[in-house]
C-alpha atoms as a PDB file:
ATOM      1  CA  MET A   1       0.000   0.000   0.000  1.00  0.00           C
ATOM      2  CA  GLY A   2       2.745   2.445   0.903  1.00  0.00           C
ATOM      3  CA  SER A   3       5.046   3.538   3.658  1.00  0.00           C
ATOM      4  CA  PRO A   4       5.455   6.307   6.223  1.00  0.00           C
ATOM      5  CA  LEU A   5       7.546   9.248   5.029  1.00  0.00           C
ATOM      6  CA  ALA A   6       7.858  10.803   8.470  1.00  0.00           C
ATOM      7  CA  PRO A   7       5.925  10.539  11.714  1.00  0.00           C
ATOM      8  CA  ASP A   8       3.128  12.573  10.124  1.00  0.00           C
ATOM      9  CA  ALA A   9       3.101  11.628   6.415  1.00  0.00           C
ATOM     10  CA  PHE A  10       2.431   8.500   4.396  1.00  0.00           C
ATOM     11  CA  ALA A  11       3.032   7.717   0.724  1.00  0.00           C
ATOM     12  CA  ALA A  12       0.236   5.479  -0.524  1.00  0.00           C
ATOM     13  CA  PHE A  13      -0.213   3.719  -3.856  1.00  0.00           C
ATOM     14  CA  LEU A  14       2.727   5.377  -5.586  1.00  0.00           C
ATOM     15  CA  GLU A  15       2.547   2.686  -8.274  1.00  0.00           C
ATOM     16  CA  LEU A  16      -0.779   4.150  -9.360  1.00  0.00           C
ATOM     17  CA  GLY A  17       0.756   7.603  -9.760  1.00  0.00           C
ATOM     18  CA  GLU A  18       3.653   6.123 -11.733  1.00  0.00           C
ATOM     19  CA  THR A  19       1.188   4.270 -13.967  1.00  0.00           C
ATOM     20  CA  LEU A  20      -0.721   7.501 -14.569  1.00  0.00           C
ATOM     21  CA  ASP A  21       2.578   9.186 -15.503  1.00  0.00           C
ATOM     22  CA  ARG A  22       3.253   6.465 -18.091  1.00  0.00           C
ATOM     23  CA  LEU A  23      -0.316   6.634 -19.415  1.00  0.00           C
ATOM     24  CA  GLU A  24      -0.072  10.414 -19.823  1.00  0.00           C
ATOM     25  CA  LYS A  25       3.163  10.012 -21.795  1.00  0.00           C
ATOM     26  CA  GLY A  26       1.794   7.165 -23.901  1.00  0.00           C
ATOM     27  CA  ARG A  27       4.413   4.788 -22.488  1.00  0.00           C
ATOM     28  CA  ALA A  28       2.211   2.417 -20.504  1.00  0.00           C
ATOM     29  CA  ASP A  29       1.653  -1.224 -21.302  1.00  0.00           C
ATOM     30  CA  PRO A  30      -2.170  -1.379 -21.239  1.00  0.00           C
ATOM     31  CA  SER A  31      -2.322  -4.842 -19.668  1.00  0.00           C
ATOM     32  CA  GLU A  32       0.191  -3.877 -16.963  1.00  0.00           C
ATOM     33  CA  ALA A  33      -1.683  -0.605 -16.273  1.00  0.00           C
ATOM     34  CA  SER A  34      -4.940  -2.545 -16.016  1.00  0.00           C
ATOM     35  CA  ARG A  35      -3.372  -5.055 -13.609  1.00  0.00           C
ATOM     36  CA  ILE A  36      -1.972  -2.257 -11.411  1.00  0.00           C
ATOM     37  CA  GLY A  37      -5.313  -0.440 -11.400  1.00  0.00           C
ATOM     38  CA  LYS A  38      -7.162  -3.596 -10.370  1.00  0.00           C
ATOM     39  CA  ASP A  39      -4.594  -4.388  -7.670  1.00  0.00           C
ATOM     40  CA  VAL A  40      -4.762  -0.870  -6.209  1.00  0.00           C
ATOM     41  CA  ALA A  41      -8.569  -0.913  -6.251  1.00  0.00           C
ATOM     42  CA  GLU A  42      -8.678  -4.226  -4.406  1.00  0.00           C
ATOM     43  CA  ARG A  43      -6.070  -3.280  -1.781  1.00  0.00           C
ATOM     44  CA  ALA A  44      -7.544   0.178  -1.200  1.00  0.00           C
ATOM     45  CA  THR A  45     -11.042  -1.277  -0.764  1.00  0.00           C
ATOM     46  CA  LYS A  46      -9.775  -3.911   1.653  1.00  0.00           C
ATOM     47  CA  ALA A  47      -7.884  -1.291   3.701  1.00  0.00           C
ATOM     48  CA  SER A  48     -10.871   1.068   3.679  1.00  0.00           C
ATOM     49  CA  ASP A  49     -13.181  -1.682   4.919  1.00  0.00           C
ATOM     50  CA  ALA A  50     -10.740  -2.625   7.701  1.00  0.00           C
ATOM     51  CA  ILE A  51     -10.313   0.958   8.915  1.00  0.00           C
ATOM     52  CA  GLU A  52     -14.037   1.644   8.694  1.00  0.00           C
ATOM     53  CA  ALA A  53     -14.705  -1.449  10.812  1.00  0.00           C
ATOM     54  CA  VAL A  54     -12.689  -0.053  13.728  1.00  0.00           C
ATOM     55  CA  ASP A  55     -15.052   0.910  16.548  1.00  0.00           C
ATOM     56  CA  VAL A  56     -13.609   4.346  17.264  1.00  0.00           C
ATOM     57  CA  SER A  57     -16.369   5.168  19.733  1.00  0.00           C
ATOM     58  CA  GLY A  58     -15.525   2.041  21.687  1.00  0.00           C
ATOM     59  CA  LEU A  59     -11.835   2.900  21.672  1.00  0.00           C
ATOM     60  CA  VAL A  60     -12.010   6.492  22.877  1.00  0.00           C
ATOM     61  CA  GLY A  61     -15.602   7.283  23.848  1.00  0.00           C
ATOM     62  CA  GLY A  62     -16.374   7.886  27.517  1.00  0.00           C
ATOM     63  CA  LYS A  63     -12.850   7.139  28.677  1.00  0.00           C
ATOM     64  CA  GLY A  64     -11.833  10.597  29.820  1.00  0.00           C
ATOM     65  CA  PHE A  65      -9.783  11.570  26.775  1.00  0.00           C
ATOM     66  CA  GLU A  66      -9.570  15.247  25.864  1.00  0.00           C
ATOM     67  CA  PHE A  67     -11.889  16.409  23.086  1.00  0.00           C
ATOM     68  CA  GLU A  68      -8.989  17.235  20.729  1.00  0.00           C
ATOM     69  CA  LEU A  69      -7.676  13.677  20.939  1.00  0.00           C
ATOM     70  CA  VAL A  70     -11.101  12.122  20.367  1.00  0.00           C
ATOM     71  CA  ASP A  71     -11.767  14.525  17.485  1.00  0.00           C
ATOM     72  CA  SER A  72      -8.419  13.652  15.861  1.00  0.00           C
ATOM     73  CA  VAL A  73      -9.203   9.928  16.054  1.00  0.00           C
ATOM     74  CA  PHE A  74     -12.646  10.337  14.455  1.00  0.00           C
ATOM     75  CA  ASP A  75     -11.297  12.726  11.788  1.00  0.00           C
ATOM     76  CA  SER A  76      -8.465  10.340  11.050  1.00  0.00           C
ATOM     77  CA  GLN A  77     -10.767   7.400  10.463  1.00  0.00           C
ATOM     78  CA  ASP A  78     -13.109   9.421   8.271  1.00  0.00           C
ATOM     79  CA  SER A  79     -10.342  10.896   6.116  1.00  0.00           C
ATOM     80  CA  LEU A  80      -8.395   7.647   5.793  1.00  0.00           C
ATOM     81  CA  VAL A  81     -11.516   5.787   4.655  1.00  0.00           C
ATOM     82  CA  SER A  82     -12.489   8.567   2.224  1.00  0.00           C
ATOM     83  CA  GLY A  83      -8.966   8.740   0.812  1.00  0.00           C
ATOM     84  CA  LEU A  84      -8.787   4.974   0.373  1.00  0.00           C
ATOM     85  CA  ASP A  85     -12.177   4.959  -1.339  1.00  0.00           C
ATOM     86  CA  LEU A  86     -10.857   7.576  -3.775  1.00  0.00           C
ATOM     87  CA  TYR A  87      -7.714   5.508  -4.423  1.00  0.00           C
ATOM     88  CA  ALA A  88      -9.967   2.513  -5.104  1.00  0.00           C
ATOM     89  CA  ARG A  89     -12.052   4.528  -7.562  1.00  0.00           C
ATOM     90  CA  ALA A  90      -8.928   5.788  -9.329  1.00  0.00           C
ATOM     91  CA  GLY A  91      -7.608   2.226  -9.511  1.00  0.00           C
ATOM     92  CA  GLU A  92     -10.882   0.970 -11.002  1.00  0.00           C
ATOM     93  CA  MET A  93     -10.777   3.727 -13.590  1.00  0.00           C
ATOM     94  CA  VAL A  94      -7.177   2.909 -14.542  1.00  0.00           C
ATOM     95  CA  GLU A  95      -8.112  -0.755 -14.879  1.00  0.00           C
ATOM     96  CA  HIS A  96     -10.780   0.147 -17.439  1.00  0.00           C
ATOM     97  CA  LEU A  97      -9.156   3.112 -19.148  1.00  0.00           C
ATOM     98  CA  ALA A  98      -6.150   1.007 -20.099  1.00  0.00           C
ATOM     99  CA  ARG A  99      -8.478  -0.616 -22.665  1.00  0.00           C
ATOM    100  CA  ALA A 100      -9.722   2.697 -24.130  1.00  0.00           C
ATOM    101  CA  ASP A 101      -8.684   4.138 -27.483  1.00  0.00           C
ATOM    102  CA  PRO A 102      -5.772   6.630 -27.309  1.00  0.00           C
ATOM    103  CA  THR A 103      -7.922   9.785 -27.463  1.00  0.00           C
ATOM    104  CA  GLU A 104     -10.304   8.589 -24.785  1.00  0.00           C
ATOM    105  CA  MET A 105      -7.374   7.334 -22.706  1.00  0.00           C
ATOM    106  CA  GLN A 106      -5.773  10.795 -22.637  1.00  0.00           C
ATOM    107  CA  ARG A 107      -9.044  12.464 -21.634  1.00  0.00           C
ATOM    108  CA  LEU A 108      -9.828   9.932 -18.926  1.00  0.00           C
ATOM    109  CA  THR A 109      -6.273   9.896 -17.601  1.00  0.00           C
ATOM    110  CA  LYS A 110      -6.597  13.585 -16.723  1.00  0.00           C
ATOM    111  CA  GLN A 111      -9.778  12.837 -14.763  1.00  0.00           C
ATOM    112  CA  VAL A 112      -8.163   9.918 -12.957  1.00  0.00           C
ATOM    113  CA  ARG A 113      -5.131  12.090 -12.168  1.00  0.00           C
ATOM    114  CA  SER A 114      -7.446  14.594 -10.466  1.00  0.00           C
ATOM    115  CA  ILE A 115      -9.066  11.854  -8.384  1.00  0.00           C
ATOM    116  CA  TYR A 116      -5.639  10.454  -7.480  1.00  0.00           C
ATOM    117  CA  GLU A 117      -4.421  13.881  -6.318  1.00  0.00           C
ATOM    118  CA  VAL A 118      -7.532  14.403  -4.177  1.00  0.00           C
ATOM    119  CA  ALA A 119      -7.022  10.909  -2.726  1.00  0.00           C
ATOM    120  CA  GLN A 120      -3.437  11.841  -1.801  1.00  0.00           C
ATOM    121  CA  THR A 121      -4.603  14.982  -0.012  1.00  0.00           C
ATOM    122  CA  VAL A 122      -7.551  13.388   1.804  1.00  0.00           C
ATOM    123  CA  PHE A 123      -5.550  10.314   2.835  1.00  0.00           C
ATOM    124  CA  GLY A 124      -2.600  12.519   3.814  1.00  0.00           C
ATOM    125  CA  ASN A 125      -4.854  14.601   6.044  1.00  0.00           C
ATOM    126  CA  GLY A 126      -6.213  11.426   7.630  1.00  0.00           C
ATOM    127  CA  TYR A 127      -2.746  10.105   8.321  1.00  0.00           C
ATOM    128  CA  PHE A 128      -1.779  13.502   9.753  1.00  0.00           C
ATOM    129  CA  ASP A 129      -4.816  13.345  12.073  1.00  0.00           C
ATOM    130  CA  TYR A 130      -3.816   9.817  13.097  1.00  0.00           C
ATOM    131  CA  ALA A 131      -0.258  10.924  13.866  1.00  0.00           C
ATOM    132  CA  ASN A 132      -1.637  13.963  15.689  1.00  0.00           C
ATOM    133  CA  ALA A 133      -3.827  11.717  17.850  1.00  0.00           C
ATOM    134  CA  LEU A 134      -0.784   9.612  18.696  1.00  0.00           C
ATOM    135  CA  LYS A 135       1.094  12.774  19.624  1.00  0.00           C
ATOM    136  CA  LYS A 136      -1.762  14.026  21.806  1.00  0.00           C
ATOM    137  CA  ALA A 137      -1.844  10.662  23.546  1.00  0.00           C
ATOM    138  CA  GLY A 138       1.897  10.945  24.220  1.00  0.00           C
ATOM    139  CA  LEU A 139       2.753   8.121  21.831  1.00  0.00           C
ATOM    140  CA  ALA A 140       4.646  10.112  19.149  1.00  0.00           C
ATOM    141  CA  ALA A 141       7.053  13.034  18.764  1.00  0.00           C
ATOM    142  CA  PRO A 142       5.781  16.523  17.797  1.00  0.00           C
ATOM    143  CA  PHE A 143       5.638  17.415  14.103  1.00  0.00           C
ATOM    144  CA  GLY A 144       4.604  20.178  11.691  1.00  0.00           C
ATOM    145  CA  PRO A 145       1.561  20.989   9.532  1.00  0.00           C
ATOM    146  CA  PRO A 146      -0.096  18.441   7.201  1.00  0.00           C
ATOM    147  CA  PRO A 147       1.988  17.449   4.184  1.00  0.00           C
ATOM    148  CA  THR A 148       1.258  18.709   0.703  1.00  0.00           C
ATOM    149  CA  PHE A 149       1.669  16.675  -2.440  1.00  0.00           C
ATOM    150  CA  PRO A 150       2.917  18.103  -5.719  1.00  0.00           C
ATOM    151  CA  GLY A 151       0.786  17.893  -8.829  1.00  0.00           C
ATOM    152  CA  PRO A 152       1.794  15.966 -11.937  1.00  0.00           C
END
């Protein structure tokens, strides 16, 4: 899926971004792009379902935690799930667009790129909230503002 970049940032599904780069340049093997899209969609959906299944209320509700900590945990779950759902959608689109004609592929690739960039931001904010909750609970070192991700 990805890996932490720092205590407060996470790089997820970079292979999808690399595939989009190749598609935009006309250098992608359609079957490989389709396989990567399908793989990302499946892994993102599985991760989203797992995170959504966490009973956040049961973990932090009514246990005397400060509001900011509880809020960070709920925000984290919501943003991580939303970001993963967007990655899954982008993956599904790559899986299918790899079979499109060249003109349609270029048009759709731009749309998928937009979804991928929003997924990066939403997921990044969720991971930042998660790291912030850990910090507030005394389980992580202090860090800076949420990360930003460059465009294409």
